[in-house]
Amino acid sequence: MNVENHPDAAVPRIAAAIGEPARARMLYSLLDGHARTSTELATVAEVTPSTASAHLNRLKAERLVKVFVQGKHRYYSLEGPNVASALEGLSVLAGGSSPKFVPNTPSRLRAARTCYDHMAGTLGVLLHDRFTAMNWMGDEYEITAKGTKALEALGIDLEATRALRRRFAYACLDWSERRPHLGGGLAAAVLKIALKRRWVVQDLDSRALAVTALGRREIRARFGVEV
């Protein structure tokens, strides 16, 4: 048996990683489900960027956080629900609470906007979550039989979308919500349908999308999302 991997050895090591005050502040700031950059986490932890980087490497080594790379940016989030549950349990024992994430994005852009050729903002994140909740997508963003039927009924040619020279579907981290919205060819097809049917209209001078009255009704009826 590998002694280093035995729970008796792993538990104190993980507890020590969580127990350092700066690292604990980082972890609890991620408990709301929103990803943050190392710069933001350095501010939360009240340490220098270089020190924050060292702390994050330690947390990553212990599989307490994971990194999501998007463009030039690296976003950190909790490794998974088991980490969140452990932190919640410790918080209960300590009698504390964690601060909520407060976006500073202008409200028009935060509500709904384009991200390249797909939908982002609060609406994009809600649709991403609903596609999963309705069992339209699996964990690896593969479309289920139920999702295939629903998306084709919506007017999306899934075969043609898969044939495009791009990723079909993936998690694209939303920079205002700090949670994933749907990216890829499928997401572009969804936005194209929404624009064509005038569920949303594009601002002439920004990336903001305005949801129409028709759009509110259709999005509620088809996806169960209130906007």
C-alpha atoms as a PDB file:
ATOM      1  CA  MET A   1       0.000   0.000   0.000  1.00  0.00           C
ATOM      2  CA  ASN A   2       1.251   3.480  -0.871  1.00  0.00           C
ATOM      3  CA  VAL A   3       1.409   5.205   2.505  1.00  0.00           C
ATOM      4  CA  GLU A   4       1.312   8.693   0.966  1.00  0.00           C
ATOM      5  CA  ASN A   5      -2.045   7.948  -0.692  1.00  0.00           C
ATOM      6  CA  HIS A   6      -3.594   6.337   2.365  1.00  0.00           C
ATOM      7  CA  PRO A   7      -6.423   8.435   3.893  1.00  0.00           C
ATOM      8  CA  ASP A   8      -4.544   8.632   7.186  1.00  0.00           C
ATOM      9  CA  ALA A   9      -1.789  10.550   5.374  1.00  0.00           C
ATOM     10  CA  ALA A  10      -3.967  12.422   2.873  1.00  0.00           C
ATOM     11  CA  VAL A  11      -6.402  13.894   5.390  1.00  0.00           C
ATOM     12  CA  PRO A  12      -3.808  15.861   7.424  1.00  0.00           C
ATOM     13  CA  ARG A  13      -2.180  17.059   4.179  1.00  0.00           C
ATOM     14  CA  ILE A  14      -5.477  18.315   2.764  1.00  0.00           C
ATOM     15  CA  ALA A  15      -6.476  19.814   6.107  1.00  0.00           C
ATOM     16  CA  ALA A  16      -3.173  21.706   6.207  1.00  0.00           C
ATOM     17  CA  ALA A  17      -3.793  23.032   2.694  1.00  0.00           C
ATOM     18  CA  ILE A  18      -7.245  24.292   3.677  1.00  0.00           C
ATOM     19  CA  GLY A  19      -6.145  25.503   7.096  1.00  0.00           C
ATOM     20  CA  GLU A  20      -3.692  28.197   5.963  1.00  0.00           C
ATOM     21  CA  PRO A  21      -5.684  31.481   6.336  1.00  0.00           C
ATOM     22  CA  ALA A  22      -4.941  32.920   2.872  1.00  0.00           C
ATOM     23  CA  ARG A  23      -5.780  29.635   1.159  1.00  0.00           C
ATOM     24  CA  ALA A  24      -8.940  29.280   3.236  1.00  0.00           C
ATOM     25  CA  ARG A  25     -10.082  32.749   2.119  1.00  0.00           C
ATOM     26  CA  MET A  26      -9.462  31.760  -1.504  1.00  0.00           C
ATOM     27  CA  LEU A  27     -11.422  28.536  -1.164  1.00  0.00           C
ATOM     28  CA  TYR A  28     -14.372  30.134   0.577  1.00  0.00           C
ATOM     29  CA  SER A  29     -14.550  32.868  -2.039  1.00  0.00           C
ATOM     30  CA  LEU A  30     -15.011  30.089  -4.635  1.00  0.00           C
ATOM     31  CA  LEU A  31     -17.773  28.399  -2.680  1.00  0.00           C
ATOM     32  CA  ASP A  32     -20.431  30.442  -4.506  1.00  0.00           C
ATOM     33  CA  GLY A  33     -19.690  28.513  -7.712  1.00  0.00           C
ATOM     34  CA  HIS A  34     -18.115  31.448  -9.552  1.00  0.00           C
ATOM     35  CA  ALA A  35     -14.598  31.163 -10.961  1.00  0.00           C
ATOM     36  CA  ARG A  36     -12.000  33.823 -10.212  1.00  0.00           C
ATOM     37  CA  THR A  37      -8.601  34.827 -11.542  1.00  0.00           C
ATOM     38  CA  SER A  38      -5.422  34.563  -9.502  1.00  0.00           C
ATOM     39  CA  THR A  39      -5.358  38.373  -9.290  1.00  0.00           C
ATOM     40  CA  GLU A  40      -8.842  38.431  -7.786  1.00  0.00           C
ATOM     41  CA  LEU A  41      -7.939  35.612  -5.409  1.00  0.00           C
ATOM     42  CA  ALA A  42      -4.787  37.454  -4.351  1.00  0.00           C
ATOM     43  CA  THR A  43      -6.989  40.398  -3.379  1.00  0.00           C
ATOM     44  CA  VAL A  44      -9.382  38.132  -1.498  1.00  0.00           C
ATOM     45  CA  ALA A  45      -6.501  36.472   0.329  1.00  0.00           C
ATOM     46  CA  GLU A  46      -4.713  39.789   0.965  1.00  0.00           C
ATOM     47  CA  VAL A  47      -1.434  38.482  -0.442  1.00  0.00           C
ATOM     48  CA  THR A  48       0.840  39.406  -3.343  1.00  0.00           C
ATOM     49  CA  PRO A  49       0.200  37.865  -6.789  1.00  0.00           C
ATOM     50  CA  SER A  50       3.314  35.699  -6.525  1.00  0.00           C
ATOM     51  CA  THR A  51       2.263  34.396  -3.114  1.00  0.00           C
ATOM     52  CA  ALA A  52      -1.248  33.759  -4.443  1.00  0.00           C
ATOM     53  CA  SER A  53       0.240  31.732  -7.286  1.00  0.00           C
ATOM     54  CA  ALA A  54       2.135  29.552  -4.819  1.00  0.00           C
ATOM     55  CA  HIS A  55      -0.994  29.039  -2.725  1.00  0.00           C
ATOM     56  CA  LEU A  56      -3.033  28.109  -5.791  1.00  0.00           C
ATOM     57  CA  ASN A  57      -0.410  25.604  -6.883  1.00  0.00           C
ATOM     58  CA  ARG A  58      -0.677  23.963  -3.475  1.00  0.00           C
ATOM     59  CA  LEU A  59      -4.477  23.855  -3.675  1.00  0.00           C
ATOM     60  CA  LYS A  60      -4.317  22.463  -7.190  1.00  0.00           C
ATOM     61  CA  ALA A  61      -1.806  19.791  -6.109  1.00  0.00           C
ATOM     62  CA  GLU A  62      -4.234  18.666  -3.403  1.00  0.00           C
ATOM     63  CA  ARG A  63      -7.070  18.647  -5.960  1.00  0.00           C
ATOM     64  CA  LEU A  64      -9.010  21.306  -4.116  1.00  0.00           C
ATOM     65  CA  VAL A  65      -9.166  23.685  -7.085  1.00  0.00           C
ATOM     66  CA  LYS A  66      -9.046  23.325 -10.855  1.00  0.00           C
ATOM     67  CA  VAL A  67      -8.020  25.758 -13.588  1.00  0.00           C
ATOM     68  CA  PHE A  68     -10.068  26.786 -16.594  1.00  0.00           C
ATOM     69  CA  VAL A  69      -7.992  28.456 -19.322  1.00  0.00           C
ATOM     70  CA  GLN A  70      -9.816  30.817 -21.647  1.00  0.00           C
ATOM     71  CA  GLY A  71      -7.743  32.926 -23.997  1.00  0.00           C
ATOM     72  CA  LYS A  72      -5.059  34.703 -21.988  1.00  0.00           C
ATOM     73  CA  HIS A  73      -6.904  34.240 -18.725  1.00  0.00           C
ATOM     74  CA  ARG A  74      -6.788  31.468 -16.148  1.00  0.00           C
ATOM     75  CA  TYR A  75      -9.817  31.046 -13.923  1.00  0.00           C
ATOM     76  CA  TYR A  76      -9.845  29.005 -10.722  1.00  0.00           C
ATOM     77  CA  SER A  77     -12.827  27.184  -9.268  1.00  0.00           C
ATOM     78  CA  LEU A  78     -13.394  24.426  -6.731  1.00  0.00           C
ATOM     79  CA  GLU A  79     -12.435  20.959  -7.991  1.00  0.00           C
ATOM     80  CA  GLY A  80     -15.943  19.654  -7.476  1.00  0.00           C
ATOM     81  CA  PRO A  81     -18.954  19.192  -5.199  1.00  0.00           C
ATOM     82  CA  ASN A  82     -17.007  17.079  -2.695  1.00  0.00           C
ATOM     83  CA  VAL A  83     -14.711  20.026  -1.979  1.00  0.00           C
ATOM     84  CA  ALA A  84     -17.697  22.350  -1.663  1.00  0.00           C
ATOM     85  CA  SER A  85     -19.388  19.938   0.742  1.00  0.00           C
ATOM     86  CA  ALA A  86     -16.259  19.726   2.897  1.00  0.00           C
ATOM     87  CA  LEU A  87     -15.979  23.507   3.036  1.00  0.00           C
ATOM     88  CA  GLU A  88     -19.673  23.862   3.826  1.00  0.00           C
ATOM     89  CA  GLY A  89     -19.252  21.369   6.673  1.00  0.00           C
ATOM     90  CA  LEU A  90     -16.285  23.259   8.089  1.00  0.00           C
ATOM     91  CA  SER A  91     -18.238  26.501   7.774  1.00  0.00           C
ATOM     92  CA  VAL A  92     -21.087  25.015   9.809  1.00  0.00           C
ATOM     93  CA  LEU A  93     -18.641  23.923  12.500  1.00  0.00           C
ATOM     94  CA  ALA A  94     -17.081  27.396  12.524  1.00  0.00           C
ATOM     95  CA  GLY A  95     -20.440  29.152  12.461  1.00  0.00           C
ATOM     96  CA  GLY A  96     -19.391  31.366   9.557  1.00  0.00           C
ATOM     97  CA  SER A  97     -20.609  32.315   6.097  1.00  0.00           C
ATOM     98  CA  SER A  98     -18.930  33.232   2.823  1.00  0.00           C
ATOM     99  CA  PRO A  99     -19.386  36.474   0.867  1.00  0.00           C
ATOM    100  CA  LYS A 100     -21.439  36.400  -2.310  1.00  0.00           C
ATOM    101  CA  PHE A 101     -20.026  37.137  -5.735  1.00  0.00           C
ATOM    102  CA  VAL A 102     -21.202  40.574  -6.936  1.00  0.00           C
ATOM    103  CA  PRO A 103     -20.594  41.232 -10.652  1.00  0.00           C
ATOM    104  CA  ASN A 104     -19.681  44.764 -11.741  1.00  0.00           C
ATOM    105  CA  THR A 105     -20.662  44.263 -15.395  1.00  0.00           C
ATOM    106  CA  PRO A 106     -23.151  46.832 -16.797  1.00  0.00           C
ATOM    107  CA  SER A 107     -26.653  45.404 -16.383  1.00  0.00           C
ATOM    108  CA  ARG A 108     -27.500  45.403 -20.114  1.00  0.00           C
ATOM    109  CA  LEU A 109     -24.434  43.338 -20.937  1.00  0.00           C
ATOM    110  CA  ARG A 110     -24.816  41.119 -17.910  1.00  0.00           C
ATOM    111  CA  ALA A 111     -28.410  40.167 -18.745  1.00  0.00           C
ATOM    112  CA  ALA A 112     -27.759  38.919 -22.284  1.00  0.00           C
ATOM    113  CA  ARG A 113     -25.034  39.526 -24.849  1.00  0.00           C
ATOM    114  CA  THR A 114     -23.084  37.825 -27.576  1.00  0.00           C
ATOM    115  CA  CYS A 115     -19.801  36.038 -26.931  1.00  0.00           C
ATOM    116  CA  TYR A 116     -18.310  35.707 -30.412  1.00  0.00           C
ATOM    117  CA  ASP A 117     -21.240  34.020 -32.162  1.00  0.00           C
ATOM    118  CA  HIS A 118     -23.074  32.541 -29.192  1.00  0.00           C
ATOM    119  CA  MET A 119     -25.166  33.743 -26.268  1.00  0.00           C
ATOM    120  CA  ALA A 120     -23.653  34.843 -22.978  1.00  0.00           C
ATOM    121  CA  GLY A 121     -24.616  36.662 -19.801  1.00  0.00           C
ATOM    122  CA  THR A 122     -27.291  35.574 -17.344  1.00  0.00           C
ATOM    123  CA  LEU A 123     -29.511  34.235 -20.130  1.00  0.00           C
ATOM    124  CA  GLY A 124     -26.687  32.190 -21.646  1.00  0.00           C
ATOM    125  CA  VAL A 125     -25.803  30.647 -18.287  1.00  0.00           C
ATOM    126  CA  LEU A 126     -29.449  29.836 -17.517  1.00  0.00           C
ATOM    127  CA  LEU A 127     -29.888  28.126 -20.893  1.00  0.00           C
ATOM    128  CA  HIS A 128     -26.691  26.119 -20.340  1.00  0.00           C
ATOM    129  CA  ASP A 129     -28.010  24.923 -16.984  1.00  0.00           C
ATOM    130  CA  ARG A 130     -31.456  24.117 -18.374  1.00  0.00           C
ATOM    131  CA  PHE A 131     -30.047  22.061 -21.254  1.00  0.00           C
ATOM    132  CA  THR A 132     -28.356  19.917 -18.621  1.00  0.00           C
ATOM    133  CA  ALA A 133     -31.318  19.841 -16.222  1.00  0.00           C
ATOM    134  CA  MET A 134     -33.701  18.789 -19.013  1.00  0.00           C
ATOM    135  CA  ASN A 135     -31.317  15.960 -19.971  1.00  0.00           C
ATOM    136  CA  TRP A 136     -30.620  17.440 -23.388  1.00  0.00           C
ATOM    137  CA  MET A 137     -26.857  17.270 -22.791  1.00  0.00           C
ATOM    138  CA  GLY A 138     -24.607  14.795 -21.032  1.00  0.00           C
ATOM    139  CA  ASP A 139     -21.551  15.523 -18.883  1.00  0.00           C
ATOM    140  CA  GLU A 140     -19.267  15.671 -21.929  1.00  0.00           C
ATOM    141  CA  TYR A 141     -21.661  17.968 -23.831  1.00  0.00           C
ATOM    142  CA  GLU A 142     -22.901  15.141 -26.018  1.00  0.00           C
ATOM    143  CA  ILE A 143     -26.527  15.571 -27.032  1.00  0.00           C
ATOM    144  CA  THR A 144     -28.910  12.916 -25.707  1.00  0.00           C
ATOM    145  CA  ALA A 145     -31.754  11.335 -27.674  1.00  0.00           C
ATOM    146  CA  LYS A 146     -34.157  13.648 -25.869  1.00  0.00           C
ATOM    147  CA  GLY A 147     -31.979  16.644 -26.690  1.00  0.00           C
ATOM    148  CA  THR A 148     -31.688  15.611 -30.336  1.00  0.00           C
ATOM    149  CA  LYS A 149     -35.466  15.520 -30.696  1.00  0.00           C
ATOM    150  CA  ALA A 150     -35.952  18.858 -28.917  1.00  0.00           C
ATOM    151  CA  LEU A 151     -33.180  20.718 -30.754  1.00  0.00           C
ATOM    152  CA  GLU A 152     -34.233  19.436 -34.161  1.00  0.00           C
ATOM    153  CA  ALA A 153     -37.811  20.496 -33.372  1.00  0.00           C
ATOM    154  CA  LEU A 154     -36.359  23.918 -32.632  1.00  0.00           C
ATOM    155  CA  GLY A 155     -35.016  24.034 -36.184  1.00  0.00           C
ATOM    156  CA  ILE A 156     -31.368  23.165 -35.590  1.00  0.00           C
ATOM    157  CA  ASP A 157     -29.678  20.844 -38.088  1.00  0.00           C
ATOM    158  CA  LEU A 158     -27.490  18.846 -35.705  1.00  0.00           C
ATOM    159  CA  GLU A 159     -25.817  16.816 -38.444  1.00  0.00           C
ATOM    160  CA  ALA A 160     -24.730  19.969 -40.290  1.00  0.00           C
ATOM    161  CA  THR A 161     -23.638  21.579 -37.024  1.00  0.00           C
ATOM    162  CA  ARG A 162     -21.457  18.581 -36.145  1.00  0.00           C
ATOM    163  CA  ALA A 163     -19.896  18.698 -39.615  1.00  0.00           C
ATOM    164  CA  LEU A 164     -18.569  22.224 -39.065  1.00  0.00           C
ATOM    165  CA  ARG A 165     -14.819  22.576 -38.562  1.00  0.00           C
ATOM    166  CA  ARG A 166     -15.207  23.658 -34.954  1.00  0.00           C
ATOM    167  CA  ARG A 167     -16.044  22.197 -31.579  1.00  0.00           C
ATOM    168  CA  PHE A 168     -19.661  21.112 -31.392  1.00  0.00           C
ATOM    169  CA  ALA A 169     -20.405  22.094 -27.780  1.00  0.00           C
ATOM    170  CA  TYR A 170     -18.359  22.988 -24.713  1.00  0.00           C
ATOM    171  CA  ALA A 171     -18.377  25.047 -21.521  1.00  0.00           C
ATOM    172  CA  CYS A 172     -17.403  28.661 -22.190  1.00  0.00           C
ATOM    173  CA  LEU A 173     -16.770  30.497 -18.929  1.00  0.00           C
ATOM    174  CA  ASP A 174     -18.951  33.601 -18.682  1.00  0.00           C
ATOM    175  CA  TRP A 175     -16.885  36.626 -17.660  1.00  0.00           C
ATOM    176  CA  SER A 176     -19.748  38.392 -15.876  1.00  0.00           C
ATOM    177  CA  GLU A 177     -21.429  35.413 -14.234  1.00  0.00           C
ATOM    178  CA  ARG A 178     -18.192  33.416 -13.744  1.00  0.00           C
ATOM    179  CA  ARG A 179     -20.126  30.269 -14.553  1.00  0.00           C
ATOM    180  CA  PRO A 180     -20.274  28.431 -17.883  1.00  0.00           C
ATOM    181  CA  HIS A 181     -22.538  29.278 -20.775  1.00  0.00           C
ATOM    182  CA  LEU A 182     -22.711  27.074 -23.854  1.00  0.00           C
ATOM    183  CA  GLY A 183     -20.081  27.592 -26.541  1.00  0.00           C
ATOM    184  CA  GLY A 184     -19.375  25.987 -29.916  1.00  0.00           C
ATOM    185  CA  GLY A 185     -21.335  25.307 -33.064  1.00  0.00           C
ATOM    186  CA  LEU A 186     -24.472  24.251 -31.182  1.00  0.00           C
ATOM    187  CA  ALA A 187     -24.521  27.477 -29.169  1.00  0.00           C
ATOM    188  CA  ALA A 188     -24.078  29.504 -32.367  1.00  0.00           C
ATOM    189  CA  ALA A 189     -27.040  27.664 -33.904  1.00  0.00           C
ATOM    190  CA  VAL A 190     -29.196  28.442 -30.853  1.00  0.00           C
ATOM    191  CA  LEU A 191     -28.360  32.147 -31.088  1.00  0.00           C
ATOM    192  CA  LYS A 192     -29.046  32.145 -34.837  1.00  0.00           C
ATOM    193  CA  ILE A 193     -32.514  30.688 -34.204  1.00  0.00           C
ATOM    194  CA  ALA A 194     -33.179  33.212 -31.420  1.00  0.00           C
ATOM    195  CA  LEU A 195     -32.221  36.128 -33.689  1.00  0.00           C
ATOM    196  CA  LYS A 196     -34.120  34.799 -36.691  1.00  0.00           C
ATOM    197  CA  ARG A 197     -37.305  34.356 -34.654  1.00  0.00           C
ATOM    198  CA  ARG A 198     -36.732  37.696 -32.929  1.00  0.00           C
ATOM    199  CA  TRP A 199     -36.637  36.228 -29.458  1.00  0.00           C
ATOM    200  CA  VAL A 200     -33.658  38.508 -28.993  1.00  0.00           C
ATOM    201  CA  VAL A 201     -32.454  41.543 -30.947  1.00  0.00           C
ATOM    202  CA  GLN A 202     -28.863  42.724 -31.241  1.00  0.00           C
ATOM    203  CA  ASP A 203     -27.837  46.208 -30.140  1.00  0.00           C
ATOM    204  CA  LEU A 204     -26.443  48.246 -33.005  1.00  0.00           C
ATOM    205  CA  ASP A 205     -23.516  49.631 -31.012  1.00  0.00           C
ATOM    206  CA  SER A 206     -22.684  46.892 -28.486  1.00  0.00           C
ATOM    207  CA  ARG A 207     -22.763  43.151 -27.851  1.00  0.00           C
ATOM    208  CA  ALA A 208     -25.900  43.470 -25.723  1.00  0.00           C
ATOM    209  CA  LEU A 209     -28.949  41.408 -26.629  1.00  0.00           C
ATOM    210  CA  ALA A 210     -32.450  42.582 -25.753  1.00  0.00           C
ATOM    211  CA  VAL A 211     -35.029  39.884 -25.078  1.00  0.00           C
ATOM    212  CA  THR A 212     -38.338  40.710 -26.765  1.00  0.00           C
ATOM    213  CA  ALA A 213     -41.787  40.099 -25.306  1.00  0.00           C
ATOM    214  CA  LEU A 214     -42.143  37.204 -27.759  1.00  0.00           C
ATOM    215  CA  GLY A 215     -38.766  35.929 -26.663  1.00  0.00           C
ATOM    216  CA  ARG A 216     -39.743  35.927 -23.006  1.00  0.00           C
ATOM    217  CA  ARG A 217     -42.826  33.843 -23.773  1.00  0.00           C
ATOM    218  CA  GLU A 218     -40.985  31.408 -26.045  1.00  0.00           C
ATOM    219  CA  ILE A 219     -37.972  30.986 -23.776  1.00  0.00           C
ATOM    220  CA  ARG A 220     -40.248  30.338 -20.802  1.00  0.00           C
ATOM    221  CA  ALA A 221     -42.383  27.848 -22.736  1.00  0.00           C
ATOM    222  CA  ARG A 222     -39.538  25.978 -24.458  1.00  0.00           C
ATOM    223  CA  PHE A 223     -36.815  26.049 -21.806  1.00  0.00           C
ATOM    224  CA  GLY A 224     -38.526  26.918 -18.537  1.00  0.00           C
ATOM    225  CA  VAL A 225     -36.338  30.006 -18.132  1.00  0.00           C
ATOM    226  CA  GLU A 226     -37.729  33.293 -16.825  1.00  0.00           C
ATOM    227  CA  VAL A 227     -36.019  36.378 -18.308  1.00  0.00           C
END
